[in-house]
Amino acid sequence: MERLKLAHQENRLEAILKNYSRYKLLIIDEIGYLPIDDLGSDLFFQLIARRYEKKSTIITTNIPLSKWGQTFSNPTIANAILDRLVHHSEIFKITGKSYRMKDYQEQQTTETNR
């Protein structure tokens, strides 16, 4: 989002959108980790709309799809983004303990048993 916003401010949004549209696969990690304002929502929609039905995109998030309207500042844009993302897609829901937390807990157990 920050790269898209910076490109928008520097009047080079078209160039960066073209660049991100070239990749056969674009991986966007941790969508929703930080709140997304109106401009970020709009720019992200533009990116997804350009890639829609042309290139593959992988998105990771801890936010349920039902809460994307709250994550993106504009629920209408959130729905439009989701509409394009879920069409022709596979959704994988991974449950269970985080591997990072598992490693941390194992480390704590080892230190406690010393």
Protein backbone atom coordinates (compact mmCIF):
# COMPACT_ATOMS: atom_id res chain seq x y z
CA MET A 1 0.00 0.00 0.00
CA GLU A 2 2.77 2.39 0.92
CA ARG A 3 4.48 1.90 -2.45
CA LEU A 4 1.22 2.57 -4.24
CA LYS A 5 0.60 5.69 -2.15
CA LEU A 6 4.11 6.99 -2.76
CA ALA A 7 3.76 6.40 -6.50
CA HIS A 8 0.44 8.24 -6.41
CA GLN A 9 2.03 11.20 -4.61
CA GLU A 10 4.92 11.25 -7.08
CA ASN A 11 2.55 11.10 -10.05
CA ARG A 12 3.87 7.73 -11.20
CA LEU A 13 0.97 5.49 -10.20
CA GLU A 14 0.36 4.30 -13.75
CA ALA A 15 3.95 3.08 -14.04
CA ILE A 16 3.86 1.12 -10.78
CA LEU A 17 0.46 -0.39 -11.58
CA LYS A 18 1.82 -1.51 -14.96
CA ASN A 19 4.86 -2.96 -13.24
CA TYR A 20 2.81 -4.95 -10.71
CA SER A 21 0.49 -6.06 -13.51
CA ARG A 22 3.37 -7.69 -15.40
CA TYR A 23 4.16 -10.32 -12.78
CA LYS A 24 2.69 -13.75 -13.46
CA LEU A 25 2.30 -14.15 -9.71
CA LEU A 26 2.04 -11.35 -7.16
CA ILE A 27 2.16 -12.30 -3.48
CA ILE A 28 0.76 -9.79 -1.02
CA ASP A 29 1.47 -10.76 2.57
CA GLU A 30 -0.45 -9.72 5.68
CA ILE A 31 -3.27 -7.65 4.18
CA GLY A 32 -5.08 -5.94 7.04
CA TYR A 33 -2.16 -6.03 9.44
CA LEU A 34 -2.43 -2.24 9.44
CA PRO A 35 -5.61 -0.25 8.82
CA ILE A 36 -6.13 0.77 5.20
CA ASP A 37 -7.32 4.31 4.56
CA ASP A 38 -9.49 5.56 1.68
CA LEU A 39 -6.56 6.21 -0.64
CA GLY A 40 -4.98 2.84 0.12
CA SER A 41 -8.29 1.10 -0.50
CA ASP A 42 -8.76 2.85 -3.82
CA LEU A 43 -5.21 2.14 -5.00
CA PHE A 44 -5.40 -1.50 -3.93
CA PHE A 45 -8.66 -1.88 -5.82
CA GLN A 46 -6.99 -0.47 -8.94
CA LEU A 47 -4.18 -3.01 -8.61
CA ILE A 48 -6.53 -5.96 -8.11
CA ALA A 49 -8.83 -4.82 -10.92
CA ARG A 50 -5.90 -4.69 -13.35
CA ARG A 51 -4.76 -8.19 -12.45
CA TYR A 52 -8.29 -9.65 -12.36
CA GLU A 53 -8.66 -12.64 -14.70
CA LYS A 54 -5.22 -11.96 -16.20
CA LYS A 55 -2.59 -12.88 -13.62
CA SER A 56 -2.40 -14.84 -10.38
CA THR A 57 -2.38 -13.16 -6.99
CA ILE A 58 -1.83 -14.73 -3.58
CA ILE A 59 -2.95 -12.80 -0.53
CA THR A 60 -2.33 -13.76 3.07
CA THR A 61 -4.33 -12.30 5.92
CA ASN A 62 -5.47 -13.05 9.44
CA ILE A 63 -8.63 -11.05 8.81
CA PRO A 64 -11.77 -13.08 7.98
CA LEU A 65 -13.27 -12.04 4.65
CA SER A 66 -16.42 -11.01 6.51
CA LYS A 67 -14.38 -8.32 8.32
CA TRP A 68 -12.72 -6.81 5.23
CA GLY A 69 -15.30 -4.01 5.19
CA GLN A 70 -13.86 -2.88 8.53
CA THR A 71 -10.24 -3.37 7.47
CA PHE A 72 -10.60 -1.26 4.36
CA SER A 73 -11.97 2.16 5.18
CA ASN A 74 -14.61 1.79 2.47
CA PRO A 75 -16.86 -1.31 2.69
CA THR A 76 -18.00 -0.82 -0.93
CA ILE A 77 -14.44 -0.98 -2.22
CA ALA A 78 -13.71 -3.91 0.10
CA ASN A 79 -16.63 -5.81 -1.45
CA ALA A 80 -15.46 -4.94 -4.98
CA ILE A 81 -11.95 -6.17 -4.15
CA LEU A 82 -13.27 -9.39 -2.63
CA ASP A 83 -15.59 -9.92 -5.58
CA ARG A 84 -12.58 -9.97 -7.93
CA LEU A 85 -10.34 -11.93 -5.58
CA VAL A 86 -12.70 -14.79 -4.82
CA HIS A 87 -13.91 -15.26 -8.41
CA HIS A 88 -11.97 -18.21 -9.89
CA SER A 89 -10.00 -18.61 -6.66
CA GLU A 90 -9.03 -21.19 -4.12
CA ILE A 91 -9.28 -20.14 -0.49
CA PHE A 92 -7.15 -21.93 2.06
CA LYS A 93 -7.97 -21.47 5.72
CA ILE A 94 -5.12 -22.51 7.94
CA THR A 95 -5.96 -23.13 11.56
CA GLY A 96 -3.92 -24.18 14.52
CA LYS A 97 -1.03 -22.75 16.43
CA SER A 98 1.37 -20.37 14.79
CA TYR A 99 4.72 -22.02 14.10
CA ARG A 100 6.39 -18.93 15.56
CA MET A 101 4.46 -19.31 18.81
CA LYS A 102 5.16 -23.04 18.84
CA ASP A 103 8.91 -22.37 18.59
CA TYR A 104 8.68 -19.72 21.30
CA GLN A 105 6.74 -22.00 23.65
CA GLU A 106 9.22 -24.83 23.08
CA GLN A 107 12.08 -22.47 23.88
CA GLN A 108 10.33 -21.30 27.07
CA THR A 109 9.73 -24.90 28.15
CA THR A 110 13.38 -25.79 27.55
CA GLU A 111 14.60 -22.77 29.54
CA THR A 112 12.18 -23.53 32.39
CA ASN A 113 13.38 -27.14 32.62
CA ARG A 114 17.04 -26.12 32.98
